[in-house]
């Protein structure tokens, strides 16, 4: 945590925005490739552990808000559901790929 504070202070001093890690490769446009990548992420225990930890912190955050802190509670709640939407989007990508795969299987059976 001390390093993060130092990096933030250094960035502010030099007027450099903090750099977030981002892949240098674009996301695949093919729905089958998207589905395969989504499946890998859904199978990744580290991703699930990280999301679970974030969600648990958000739950604790909204549980510990005072009655008059409705805005903070709502913000934590919205972030919690945003993380669920992230998981749902991965599931949709995987589902799209499985649907395409099933259609191709039916077409090949019909052609045979």
PDB file of N, CA and C in Angstrom:
ATOM      1  N   UNK A   1       0.819  -1.192   0.000  1.00  0.00           N
ATOM      2  CA  UNK A   1       0.000   0.000   0.000  1.00  0.00           C
ATOM      3  C   UNK A   1       0.866   1.261   0.000  1.00  0.00           C
ATOM      4  N   UNK A   2       2.006   1.203   0.675  1.00  0.00           N
ATOM      5  CA  UNK A   2       2.872   2.376   0.722  1.00  0.00           C
ATOM      6  C   UNK A   2       3.388   2.713  -0.673  1.00  0.00           C
ATOM      7  N   UNK A   3       3.676   1.678  -1.461  1.00  0.00           N
ATOM      8  CA  UNK A   3       4.160   1.921  -2.814  1.00  0.00           C
ATOM      9  C   UNK A   3       3.104   2.620  -3.657  1.00  0.00           C
ATOM     10  N   UNK A   4       1.850   2.204  -3.511  1.00  0.00           N
ATOM     11  CA  UNK A   4       0.775   2.844  -4.280  1.00  0.00           C
ATOM     12  C   UNK A   4       0.671   4.330  -3.942  1.00  0.00           C
ATOM     13  N   UNK A   5       0.750   4.636  -2.657  1.00  0.00           N
ATOM     14  CA  UNK A   5       0.681   6.043  -2.245  1.00  0.00           C
ATOM     15  C   UNK A   5       1.870   6.820  -2.804  1.00  0.00           C
ATOM     16  N   UNK A   6       3.040   6.198  -2.766  1.00  0.00           N
ATOM     17  CA  UNK A   6       4.237   6.840  -3.300  1.00  0.00           C
ATOM     18  C   UNK A   6       4.106   7.064  -4.802  1.00  0.00           C
ATOM     19  N   UNK A   7       3.648   6.024  -5.514  1.00  0.00           N
ATOM     20  CA  UNK A   7       3.491   6.135  -6.969  1.00  0.00           C
ATOM     21  C   UNK A   7       2.472   7.217  -7.325  1.00  0.00           C
ATOM     22  N   UNK A   8       1.394   7.275  -6.551  1.00  0.00           N
ATOM     23  CA  UNK A   8       0.375   8.291  -6.807  1.00  0.00           C
ATOM     24  C   UNK A   8       0.944   9.693  -6.568  1.00  0.00           C
ATOM     25  N   UNK A   9       1.660   9.859  -5.461  1.00  0.00           N
ATOM     26  CA  UNK A   9       2.249  11.159  -5.145  1.00  0.00           C
ATOM     27  C   UNK A   9       3.276  11.562  -6.200  1.00  0.00           C
ATOM     28  N   UNK A  10       4.066  10.602  -6.651  1.00  0.00           N
ATOM     29  CA  UNK A  10       5.074  10.890  -7.671  1.00  0.00           C
ATOM     30  C   UNK A  10       4.398  11.286  -8.984  1.00  0.00           C
ATOM     31  N   UNK A  11       3.343  10.571  -9.343  1.00  0.00           N
ATOM     32  CA  UNK A  11       2.611  10.901 -10.563  1.00  0.00           C
ATOM     33  C   UNK A  11       2.001  12.287 -10.496  1.00  0.00           C
ATOM     34  N   UNK A  12       1.454  12.641  -9.322  1.00  0.00           N
ATOM     35  CA  UNK A  12       0.883  13.974  -9.157  1.00  0.00           C
ATOM     36  C   UNK A  12       1.969  15.045  -9.228  1.00  0.00           C
ATOM     37  N   UNK A  13       3.123  14.747  -8.647  1.00  0.00           N
ATOM     38  CA  UNK A  13       4.228  15.702  -8.654  1.00  0.00           C
ATOM     39  C   UNK A  13       4.699  15.976 -10.078  1.00  0.00           C
ATOM     40  N   UNK A  14       4.855  14.929 -10.859  1.00  0.00           N
ATOM     41  CA  UNK A  14       5.326  15.075 -12.229  1.00  0.00           C
ATOM     42  C   UNK A  14       4.190  15.318 -13.207  1.00  0.00           C
ATOM     43  N   UNK A  15       2.970  15.394 -12.707  1.00  0.00           N
ATOM     44  CA  UNK A  15       1.783  15.613 -13.525  1.00  0.00           C
ATOM     45  C   UNK A  15       1.640  14.531 -14.597  1.00  0.00           C
ATOM     46  N   UNK A  16       1.850  13.287 -14.155  1.00  0.00           N
ATOM     47  CA  UNK A  16       1.732  12.136 -15.036  1.00  0.00           C
ATOM     48  C   UNK A  16       0.550  11.309 -14.543  1.00  0.00           C
ATOM     49  N   UNK A  17      -0.403  11.007 -15.401  1.00  0.00           N
ATOM     50  CA  UNK A  17      -1.529  10.191 -14.949  1.00  0.00           C
ATOM     51  C   UNK A  17      -1.055   8.777 -14.624  1.00  0.00           C
ATOM     52  N   UNK A  18      -1.659   8.143 -13.624  1.00  0.00           N
ATOM     53  CA  UNK A  18      -1.256   6.771 -13.297  1.00  0.00           C
ATOM     54  C   UNK A  18      -1.571   5.829 -14.450  1.00  0.00           C
ATOM     55  N   UNK A  19      -0.663   4.925 -14.707  1.00  0.00           N
ATOM     56  CA  UNK A  19      -0.832   3.983 -15.805  1.00  0.00           C
ATOM     57  C   UNK A  19      -1.529   2.725 -15.311  1.00  0.00           C
ATOM     58  N   UNK A  20      -2.583   2.354 -15.943  1.00  0.00           N
ATOM     59  CA  UNK A  20      -3.285   1.119 -15.643  1.00  0.00           C
ATOM     60  C   UNK A  20      -2.794   0.071 -16.639  1.00  0.00           C
ATOM     61  N   UNK A  21      -2.719  -1.174 -16.161  1.00  0.00           N
ATOM     62  CA  UNK A  21      -2.312  -2.236 -17.070  1.00  0.00           C
ATOM     63  C   UNK A  21      -3.439  -2.505 -18.040  1.00  0.00           C
ATOM     64  N   UNK A  22      -3.071  -2.624 -19.275  1.00  0.00           N
ATOM     65  CA  UNK A  22      -4.055  -2.931 -20.319  1.00  0.00           C
ATOM     66  C   UNK A  22      -3.343  -3.746 -21.387  1.00  0.00           C
ATOM     67  N   UNK A  23      -4.015  -4.729 -21.900  1.00  0.00           N
ATOM     68  CA  UNK A  23      -3.438  -5.573 -22.938  1.00  0.00           C
ATOM     69  C   UNK A  23      -3.119  -4.738 -24.167  1.00  0.00           C
ATOM     70  N   UNK A  24      -2.044  -5.101 -24.817  1.00  0.00           N
ATOM     71  CA  UNK A  24      -1.666  -4.401 -26.050  1.00  0.00           C
ATOM     72  C   UNK A  24      -2.372  -5.006 -27.258  1.00  0.00           C
ATOM     73  N   UNK A  25      -3.046  -6.137 -27.047  1.00  0.00           N
ATOM     74  CA  UNK A  25      -3.740  -6.806 -28.152  1.00  0.00           C
ATOM     75  C   UNK A  25      -5.230  -6.471 -28.108  1.00  0.00           C
ATOM     76  N   UNK A  26      -5.834  -6.267 -29.259  1.00  0.00           N
ATOM     77  CA  UNK A  26      -7.279  -5.993 -29.272  1.00  0.00           C
ATOM     78  C   UNK A  26      -8.064  -7.265 -28.938  1.00  0.00           C
ATOM     79  N   UNK A  27      -9.269  -7.070 -28.467  1.00  0.00           N
ATOM     80  CA  UNK A  27     -10.151  -8.210 -28.199  1.00  0.00           C
ATOM     81  C   UNK A  27     -10.522  -8.861 -29.528  1.00  0.00           C
ATOM     82  N   UNK A  28     -10.654 -10.172 -29.551  1.00  0.00           N
ATOM     83  CA  UNK A  28     -11.045 -10.819 -30.798  1.00  0.00           C
ATOM     84  C   UNK A  28     -12.450 -10.407 -31.207  1.00  0.00           C
ATOM     85  N   UNK A  29     -12.665 -10.311 -32.497  1.00  0.00           N
ATOM     86  CA  UNK A  29     -13.991  -9.956 -33.006  1.00  0.00           C
ATOM     87  C   UNK A  29     -14.845 -11.186 -33.253  1.00  0.00           C
ATOM     88  N   UNK A  30     -14.209 -12.325 -33.441  1.00  0.00           N
ATOM     89  CA  UNK A  30     -14.911 -13.578 -33.679  1.00  0.00           C
ATOM     90  C   UNK A  30     -15.581 -14.046 -32.389  1.00  0.00           C
ATOM     91  N   UNK A  31     -16.886 -14.337 -32.468  1.00  0.00           N
ATOM     92  CA  UNK A  31     -17.634 -14.718 -31.265  1.00  0.00           C
ATOM     93  C   UNK A  31     -17.152 -16.034 -30.681  1.00  0.00           C
ATOM     94  N   UNK A  32     -16.648 -16.920 -31.509  1.00  0.00           N
ATOM     95  CA  UNK A  32     -16.116 -18.186 -31.006  1.00  0.00           C
ATOM     96  C   UNK A  32     -14.848 -17.933 -30.182  1.00  0.00           C
ATOM     97  N   UNK A  33     -13.978 -17.060 -30.667  1.00  0.00           N
ATOM     98  CA  UNK A  33     -12.764 -16.724 -29.921  1.00  0.00           C
ATOM     99  C   UNK A  33     -13.111 -15.979 -28.642  1.00  0.00           C
ATOM    100  N   UNK A  34     -14.077 -15.060 -28.715  1.00  0.00           N
ATOM    101  CA  UNK A  34     -14.519 -14.361 -27.507  1.00  0.00           C
ATOM    102  C   UNK A  34     -15.037 -15.355 -26.474  1.00  0.00           C
ATOM    103  N   UNK A  35     -15.824 -16.310 -26.935  1.00  0.00           N
ATOM    104  CA  UNK A  35     -16.362 -17.317 -26.032  1.00  0.00           C
ATOM    105  C   UNK A  35     -15.277 -18.158 -25.391  1.00  0.00           C
ATOM    106  N   UNK A  36     -14.273 -18.535 -26.175  1.00  0.00           N
ATOM    107  CA  UNK A  36     -13.167 -19.328 -25.635  1.00  0.00           C
ATOM    108  C   UNK A  36     -12.388 -18.530 -24.589  1.00  0.00           C
ATOM    109  N   UNK A  37     -12.142 -17.271 -24.892  1.00  0.00           N
ATOM    110  CA  UNK A  37     -11.438 -16.425 -23.915  1.00  0.00           C
ATOM    111  C   UNK A  37     -12.287 -16.216 -22.660  1.00  0.00           C
ATOM    112  N   UNK A  38     -13.589 -16.047 -22.837  1.00  0.00           N
ATOM    113  CA  UNK A  38     -14.488 -15.892 -21.688  1.00  0.00           C
ATOM    114  C   UNK A  38     -14.488 -17.157 -20.839  1.00  0.00           C
ATOM    115  N   UNK A  39     -14.479 -18.325 -21.501  1.00  0.00           N
ATOM    116  CA  UNK A  39     -14.440 -19.589 -20.762  1.00  0.00           C
ATOM    117  C   UNK A  39     -13.178 -19.695 -19.921  1.00  0.00           C
ATOM    118  N   UNK A  40     -12.048 -19.286 -20.510  1.00  0.00           N
ATOM    119  CA  UNK A  40     -10.785 -19.321 -19.747  1.00  0.00           C
ATOM    120  C   UNK A  40     -10.873 -18.424 -18.519  1.00  0.00           C
ATOM    121  N   UNK A  41     -11.468 -17.244 -18.692  1.00  0.00           N
ATOM    122  CA  UNK A  41     -11.610 -16.342 -17.549  1.00  0.00           C
ATOM    123  C   UNK A  41     -12.566 -16.912 -16.504  1.00  0.00           C
ATOM    124  N   UNK A  42     -13.661 -17.488 -16.962  1.00  0.00           N
ATOM    125  CA  UNK A  42     -14.623 -18.071 -16.025  1.00  0.00           C
ATOM    126  C   UNK A  42     -14.038 -19.271 -15.284  1.00  0.00           C
ATOM    127  N   UNK A  43     -13.069 -19.942 -15.896  1.00  0.00           N
ATOM    128  CA  UNK A  43     -12.407 -21.070 -15.251  1.00  0.00           C
ATOM    129  C   UNK A  43     -11.236 -20.635 -14.368  1.00  0.00           C
ATOM    130  N   UNK A  44     -10.911 -19.352 -14.386  1.00  0.00           N
ATOM    131  CA  UNK A  44      -9.743 -18.854 -13.655  1.00  0.00           C
ATOM    132  C   UNK A  44     -10.085 -18.619 -12.182  1.00  0.00           C
ATOM    133  N   UNK A  45      -9.522 -19.418 -11.277  1.00  0.00           N
ATOM    134  CA  UNK A  45      -9.846 -19.249  -9.858  1.00  0.00           C
ATOM    135  C   UNK A  45      -9.331 -17.930  -9.276  1.00  0.00           C
ATOM    136  N   UNK A  46      -8.269 -17.383  -9.847  1.00  0.00           N
ATOM    137  CA  UNK A  46      -7.741 -16.109  -9.348  1.00  0.00           C
ATOM    138  C   UNK A  46      -8.715 -14.975  -9.652  1.00  0.00           C
ATOM    139  N   UNK A  47      -9.286 -14.984 -10.845  1.00  0.00           N
ATOM    140  CA  UNK A  47     -10.277 -13.958 -11.194  1.00  0.00           C
ATOM    141  C   UNK A  47     -11.467 -14.035 -10.249  1.00  0.00           C
ATOM    142  N   UNK A  48     -11.966 -15.246 -10.008  1.00  0.00           N
ATOM    143  CA  UNK A  48     -13.110 -15.406  -9.114  1.00  0.00           C
ATOM    144  C   UNK A  48     -12.757 -14.988  -7.686  1.00  0.00           C
ATOM    145  N   UNK A  49     -11.557 -15.325  -7.245  1.00  0.00           N
ATOM    146  CA  UNK A  49     -11.138 -14.923  -5.898  1.00  0.00           C
ATOM    147  C   UNK A  49     -11.076 -13.402  -5.789  1.00  0.00           C
ATOM    148  N   UNK A  50     -10.541 -12.750  -6.814  1.00  0.00           N
ATOM    149  CA  UNK A  50     -10.454 -11.292  -6.790  1.00  0.00           C
ATOM    150  C   UNK A  50     -11.841 -10.661  -6.788  1.00  0.00           C
ATOM    151  N   UNK A  51     -12.728 -11.139  -7.654  1.00  0.00           N
ATOM    152  CA  UNK A  51     -14.085 -10.597  -7.689  1.00  0.00           C
ATOM    153  C   UNK A  51     -14.824 -10.861  -6.381  1.00  0.00           C
ATOM    154  N   UNK A  52     -14.646 -12.052  -5.816  1.00  0.00           N
ATOM    155  CA  UNK A  52     -15.287 -12.365  -4.538  1.00  0.00           C
ATOM    156  C   UNK A  52     -14.785 -11.437  -3.433  1.00  0.00           C
ATOM    157  N   UNK A  53     -13.475 -11.167  -3.425  1.00  0.00           N
ATOM    158  CA  UNK A  53     -12.913 -10.273  -2.406  1.00  0.00           C
ATOM    159  C   UNK A  53     -13.457  -8.854  -2.563  1.00  0.00           C
ATOM    160  N   UNK A  54     -13.535  -8.392  -3.800  1.00  0.00           N
ATOM    161  CA  UNK A  54     -14.079  -7.048  -4.045  1.00  0.00           C
ATOM    162  C   UNK A  54     -15.531  -6.988  -3.599  1.00  0.00           C
ATOM    163  N   UNK A  55     -16.313  -8.001  -3.955  1.00  0.00           N
ATOM    164  CA  UNK A  55     -17.723  -8.006  -3.574  1.00  0.00           C
ATOM    165  C   UNK A  55     -17.889  -8.065  -2.056  1.00  0.00           C
ATOM    166  N   UNK A  56     -17.051  -8.830  -1.389  1.00  0.00           N
ATOM    167  CA  UNK A  56     -17.142  -8.905   0.068  1.00  0.00           C
ATOM    168  C   UNK A  56     -16.831  -7.553   0.708  1.00  0.00           C
ATOM    169  N   UNK A  57     -15.836  -6.859   0.175  1.00  0.00           N
ATOM    170  CA  UNK A  57     -15.502  -5.521   0.693  1.00  0.00           C
ATOM    171  C   UNK A  57     -16.650  -4.549   0.457  1.00  0.00           C
ATOM    172  N   UNK A  58     -17.306  -4.657  -0.681  1.00  0.00           N
ATOM    173  CA  UNK A  58     -18.449  -3.783  -0.961  1.00  0.00           C
ATOM    174  C   UNK A  58     -19.616  -4.081  -0.023  1.00  0.00           C
ATOM    175  N   UNK A  59     -19.859  -5.360   0.243  1.00  0.00           N
ATOM    176  CA  UNK A  59     -20.921  -5.730   1.183  1.00  0.00           C
ATOM    177  C   UNK A  59     -20.612  -5.155   2.566  1.00  0.00           C
ATOM    178  N   UNK A  60     -19.378  -5.319   3.014  1.00  0.00           N
ATOM    179  CA  UNK A  60     -18.985  -4.768   4.312  1.00  0.00           C
ATOM    180  C   UNK A  60     -19.129  -3.250   4.323  1.00  0.00           C
ATOM    181  N   UNK A  61     -18.784  -2.635   3.210  1.00  0.00           N
ATOM    182  CA  UNK A  61     -18.874  -1.178   3.113  1.00  0.00           C
ATOM    183  C   UNK A  61     -20.311  -0.715   3.283  1.00  0.00           C
ATOM    184  N   UNK A  62     -21.260  -1.355   2.592  1.00  0.00           N
ATOM    185  CA  UNK A  62     -22.637  -0.872   2.715  1.00  0.00           C
ATOM    186  C   UNK A  62     -23.267  -1.293   4.024  1.00  0.00           C
ATOM    187  N   UNK A  63     -22.806  -2.396   4.616  1.00  0.00           N
ATOM    188  CA  UNK A  63     -23.317  -2.784   5.932  1.00  0.00           C
ATOM    189  C   UNK A  63     -22.855  -1.815   7.019  1.00  0.00           C
ATOM    190  N   UNK A  64     -21.671  -1.256   6.844  1.00  0.00           N
ATOM    191  CA  UNK A  64     -21.095  -0.387   7.866  1.00  0.00           C
ATOM    192  C   UNK A  64     -21.432   1.088   7.678  1.00  0.00           C
ATOM    193  N   UNK A  65     -22.283   1.411   6.710  1.00  0.00           N
ATOM    194  CA  UNK A  65     -22.654   2.811   6.535  1.00  0.00           C
ATOM    195  C   UNK A  65     -23.685   3.202   7.591  1.00  0.00           C
ATOM    196  N   UNK A  66     -23.612   4.440   7.989  1.00  0.00           N
ATOM    197  CA  UNK A  66     -24.580   4.977   8.948  1.00  0.00           C
ATOM    198  C   UNK A  66     -25.918   5.191   8.241  1.00  0.00           C
ATOM    199  N   UNK A  67     -26.998   5.244   8.990  1.00  0.00           N
ATOM    200  CA  UNK A  67     -28.318   5.440   8.371  1.00  0.00           C
ATOM    201  C   UNK A  67     -28.392   6.660   7.451  1.00  0.00           C
ATOM    202  N   UNK A  68     -27.657   7.709   7.766  1.00  0.00           N
ATOM    203  CA  UNK A  68     -27.701   8.921   6.949  1.00  0.00           C
ATOM    204  C   UNK A  68     -26.795   8.886   5.734  1.00  0.00           C
ATOM    205  N   UNK A  69     -26.050   7.818   5.537  1.00  0.00           N
ATOM    206  CA  UNK A  69     -25.107   7.720   4.422  1.00  0.00           C
ATOM    207  C   UNK A  69     -25.695   6.919   3.267  1.00  0.00           C
ATOM    208  N   UNK A  70     -26.883   7.270   2.886  1.00  0.00           N
ATOM    209  CA  UNK A  70     -27.568   6.547   1.820  1.00  0.00           C
ATOM    210  C   UNK A  70     -26.831   6.584   0.496  1.00  0.00           C
ATOM    211  N   UNK A  71     -26.211   7.708   0.186  1.00  0.00           N
ATOM    212  CA  UNK A  71     -25.498   7.832  -1.087  1.00  0.00           C
ATOM    213  C   UNK A  71     -24.306   6.880  -1.148  1.00  0.00           C
ATOM    214  N   UNK A  72     -23.558   6.779  -0.050  1.00  0.00           N
ATOM    215  CA  UNK A  72     -22.405   5.863   0.003  1.00  0.00           C
ATOM    216  C   UNK A  72     -22.877   4.410  -0.096  1.00  0.00           C
ATOM    217  N   UNK A  73     -23.973   4.113   0.569  1.00  0.00           N
ATOM    218  CA  UNK A  73     -24.526   2.756   0.532  1.00  0.00           C
ATOM    219  C   UNK A  73     -24.975   2.400  -0.893  1.00  0.00           C
ATOM    220  N   UNK A  74     -25.639   3.333  -1.551  1.00  0.00           N
ATOM    221  CA  UNK A  74     -26.089   3.104  -2.924  1.00  0.00           C
ATOM    222  C   UNK A  74     -24.908   2.929  -3.876  1.00  0.00           C
ATOM    223  N   UNK A  75     -23.846   3.697  -3.653  1.00  0.00           N
ATOM    224  CA  UNK A  75     -22.660   3.573  -4.514  1.00  0.00           C
ATOM    225  C   UNK A  75     -22.032   2.185  -4.359  1.00  0.00           C
ATOM    226  N   UNK A  76     -21.929   1.696  -3.132  1.00  0.00           N
ATOM    227  CA  UNK A  76     -21.370   0.366  -2.899  1.00  0.00           C
ATOM    228  C   UNK A  76     -22.256  -0.700  -3.534  1.00  0.00           C
ATOM    229  N   UNK A  77     -23.551  -0.520  -3.411  1.00  0.00           N
ATOM    230  CA  UNK A  77     -24.506  -1.469  -3.983  1.00  0.00           C
ATOM    231  C   UNK A  77     -24.376  -1.516  -5.509  1.00  0.00           C
ATOM    232  N   UNK A  78     -24.272  -0.348  -6.132  1.00  0.00           N
ATOM    233  CA  UNK A  78     -24.140  -0.291  -7.591  1.00  0.00           C
ATOM    234  C   UNK A  78     -22.837  -0.943  -8.056  1.00  0.00           C
ATOM    235  N   UNK A  79     -21.755  -0.720  -7.310  1.00  0.00           N
ATOM    236  CA  UNK A  79     -20.484  -1.349  -7.673  1.00  0.00           C
ATOM    237  C   UNK A  79     -20.551  -2.866  -7.526  1.00  0.00           C
ATOM    238  N   UNK A  80     -21.251  -3.325  -6.495  1.00  0.00           N
ATOM    239  CA  UNK A  80     -21.429  -4.762  -6.308  1.00  0.00           C
ATOM    240  C   UNK A  80     -22.122  -5.365  -7.530  1.00  0.00           C
ATOM    241  N   UNK A  81     -23.205  -4.742  -7.958  1.00  0.00           N
ATOM    242  CA  UNK A  81     -23.936  -5.278  -9.105  1.00  0.00           C
ATOM    243  C   UNK A  81     -23.181  -5.097 -10.404  1.00  0.00           C
ATOM    244  N   UNK A  82     -22.313  -4.094 -10.482  1.00  0.00           N
ATOM    245  CA  UNK A  82     -21.473  -3.933 -11.675  1.00  0.00           C
ATOM    246  C   UNK A  82     -20.520  -5.124 -11.800  1.00  0.00           C
ATOM    247  N   UNK A  83     -19.999  -5.592 -10.670  1.00  0.00           N
ATOM    248  CA  UNK A  83     -19.114  -6.755 -10.726  1.00  0.00           C
ATOM    249  C   UNK A  83     -19.893  -8.008 -11.137  1.00  0.00           C
ATOM    250  N   UNK A  84     -21.158  -8.102 -10.737  1.00  0.00           N
ATOM    251  CA  UNK A  84     -21.997  -9.221 -11.179  1.00  0.00           C
ATOM    252  C   UNK A  84     -22.278  -9.115 -12.676  1.00  0.00           C
ATOM    253  N   UNK A  85     -22.471  -7.902 -13.173  1.00  0.00           N
ATOM    254  CA  UNK A  85     -22.685  -7.710 -14.609  1.00  0.00           C
ATOM    255  C   UNK A  85     -21.453  -8.136 -15.401  1.00  0.00           C
ATOM    256  N   UNK A  86     -20.272  -7.921 -14.832  1.00  0.00           N
ATOM    257  CA  UNK A  86     -19.028  -8.359 -15.466  1.00  0.00           C
ATOM    258  C   UNK A  86     -19.041  -9.878 -15.634  1.00  0.00           C
ATOM    259  N   UNK A  87     -19.389 -10.596 -14.568  1.00  0.00           N
ATOM    260  CA  UNK A  87     -19.471 -12.056 -14.654  1.00  0.00           C
ATOM    261  C   UNK A  87     -20.536 -12.475 -15.674  1.00  0.00           C
ATOM    262  N   UNK A  88     -21.680 -11.788 -15.640  1.00  0.00           N
ATOM    263  CA  UNK A  88     -22.762 -12.115 -16.570  1.00  0.00           C
ATOM    264  C   UNK A  88     -22.336 -11.914 -18.021  1.00  0.00           C
ATOM    265  N   UNK A  89     -21.581 -10.863 -18.276  1.00  0.00           N
ATOM    266  CA  UNK A  89     -21.126 -10.594 -19.646  1.00  0.00           C
ATOM    267  C   UNK A  89     -20.215 -11.716 -20.132  1.00  0.00           C
ATOM    268  N   UNK A  90     -19.348 -12.212 -19.264  1.00  0.00           N
ATOM    269  CA  UNK A  90     -18.498 -13.347 -19.641  1.00  0.00           C
ATOM    270  C   UNK A  90     -19.351 -14.580 -19.942  1.00  0.00           C
ATOM    271  N   UNK A  91     -20.365 -14.805 -19.128  1.00  0.00           N
ATOM    272  CA  UNK A  91     -21.258 -15.952 -19.355  1.00  0.00           C
ATOM    273  C   UNK A  91     -22.012 -15.804 -20.681  1.00  0.00           C
ATOM    274  N   UNK A  92     -22.423 -14.587 -21.018  1.00  0.00           N
ATOM    275  CA  UNK A  92     -23.106 -14.347 -22.295  1.00  0.00           C
ATOM    276  C   UNK A  92     -22.184 -14.605 -23.475  1.00  0.00           C
ATOM    277  N   UNK A  93     -20.938 -14.174 -23.375  1.00  0.00           N
ATOM    278  CA  UNK A  93     -19.973 -14.422 -24.450  1.00  0.00           C
ATOM    279  C   UNK A  93     -19.779 -15.919 -24.653  1.00  0.00           C
ATOM    280  N   UNK A  94     -19.670 -16.650 -23.552  1.00  0.00           N
ATOM    281  CA  UNK A  94     -19.526 -18.098 -23.641  1.00  0.00           C
ATOM    282  C   UNK A  94     -20.787 -18.721 -24.231  1.00  0.00           C
ATOM    283  N   UNK A  95     -21.942 -18.253 -23.802  1.00  0.00           N
ATOM    284  CA  UNK A  95     -23.203 -18.774 -24.327  1.00  0.00           C
ATOM    285  C   UNK A  95     -23.359 -18.524 -25.813  1.00  0.00           C
ATOM    286  N   UNK A  96     -22.954 -17.352 -26.276  1.00  0.00           N
ATOM    287  CA  UNK A  96     -23.014 -17.048 -27.710  1.00  0.00           C
ATOM    288  C   UNK A  96     -22.153 -18.035 -28.501  1.00  0.00           C
ATOM    289  N   UNK A  97     -20.968 -18.306 -27.999  1.00  0.00           N
ATOM    290  CA  UNK A  97     -20.071 -19.229 -28.693  1.00  0.00           C
ATOM    291  C   UNK A  97     -20.658 -20.637 -28.712  1.00  0.00           C
ATOM    292  N   UNK A  98     -21.250 -21.050 -27.604  1.00  0.00           N
ATOM    293  CA  UNK A  98     -21.857 -22.385 -27.558  1.00  0.00           C
ATOM    294  C   UNK A  98     -23.049 -22.488 -28.504  1.00  0.00           C
ATOM    295  N   UNK A  99     -23.817 -21.413 -28.631  1.00  0.00           N
ATOM    296  CA  UNK A  99     -24.965 -21.408 -29.548  1.00  0.00           C
ATOM    297  C   UNK A  99     -24.484 -21.525 -30.992  1.00  0.00           C
ATOM    298  N   UNK A 100     -23.432 -20.806 -31.339  1.00  0.00           N
ATOM    299  CA  UNK A 100     -22.876 -20.891 -32.697  1.00  0.00           C
ATOM    300  C   UNK A 100     -22.371 -22.306 -32.958  1.00  0.00           C
ATOM    301  N   UNK A 101     -21.700 -22.864 -31.979  1.00  0.00           N
ATOM    302  CA  UNK A 101     -21.179 -24.231 -32.108  1.00  0.00           C
ATOM    303  C   UNK A 101     -22.320 -25.231 -32.310  1.00  0.00           C
ATOM    304  N   UNK A 102     -23.395 -25.073 -31.568  1.00  0.00           N
ATOM    305  CA  UNK A 102     -24.544 -25.979 -31.695  1.00  0.00           C
ATOM    306  C   UNK A 102     -25.193 -25.846 -33.058  1.00  0.00           C
ATOM    307  N   UNK A 103     -25.345 -24.614 -33.551  1.00  0.00           N
ATOM    308  CA  UNK A 103     -25.942 -24.405 -34.888  1.00  0.00           C
ATOM    309  C   UNK A 103     -25.083 -25.056 -35.966  1.00  0.00           C
ATOM    310  N   UNK A 104     -23.768 -24.907 -35.839  1.00  0.00           N
ATOM    311  CA  UNK A 104     -22.872 -25.512 -36.828  1.00  0.00           C
ATOM    312  C   UNK A 104     -22.960 -27.033 -36.780  1.00  0.00           C
ATOM    313  N   UNK A 105     -23.112 -27.581 -35.591  1.00  0.00           N
ATOM    314  CA  UNK A 105     -23.243 -29.030 -35.452  1.00  0.00           C
ATOM    315  C   UNK A 105     -24.533 -29.519 -36.111  1.00  0.00           C
ATOM    316  N   UNK A 106     -25.638 -28.779 -35.904  1.00  0.00           N
ATOM    317  CA  UNK A 106     -26.915 -29.148 -36.517  1.00  0.00           C
ATOM    318  C   UNK A 106     -26.823 -29.052 -38.040  1.00  0.00           C
ATOM    319  N   UNK A 107     -26.204 -27.991 -38.539  1.00  0.00           N
ATOM    320  CA  UNK A 107     -26.055 -27.822 -39.993  1.00  0.00           C
ATOM    321  C   UNK A 107     -25.247 -28.953 -40.593  1.00  0.00           C
ATOM    322  N   UNK A 108     -24.178 -29.357 -39.913  1.00  0.00           N
ATOM    323  CA  UNK A 108     -23.347 -30.435 -40.453  1.00  0.00           C
ATOM    324  C   UNK A 108     -24.090 -31.753 -40.406  1.00  0.00           C
ATOM    325  N   UNK A 109     -24.945 -31.959 -39.429  1.00  0.00           N
ATOM    326  CA  UNK A 109     -25.754 -33.194 -39.359  1.00  0.00           C
ATOM    327  C   UNK A 109     -26.831 -33.194 -40.444  1.00  0.00           C
ATOM    328  N   UNK A 110     -27.404 -32.008 -40.684  1.00  0.00           N
ATOM    329  CA  UNK A 110     -28.430 -31.903 -41.738  1.00  0.00           C
ATOM    330  C   UNK A 110     -27.830 -32.123 -43.121  1.00  0.00           C
ATOM    331  N   UNK A 111     -26.593 -31.677 -43.309  1.00  0.00           N
ATOM    332  CA  UNK A 111     -25.932 -31.807 -44.602  1.00  0.00           C
ATOM    333  C   UNK A 111     -25.508 -33.255 -44.856  1.00  0.00           C
ATOM    334  N   UNK A 112     -25.325 -34.019 -43.796  1.00  0.00           N
ATOM    335  CA  UNK A 112     -24.851 -35.399 -43.965  1.00  0.00           C
ATOM    336  C   UNK A 112     -25.930 -36.367 -44.312  1.00  0.00           C
TER     337      UNK A 112
END
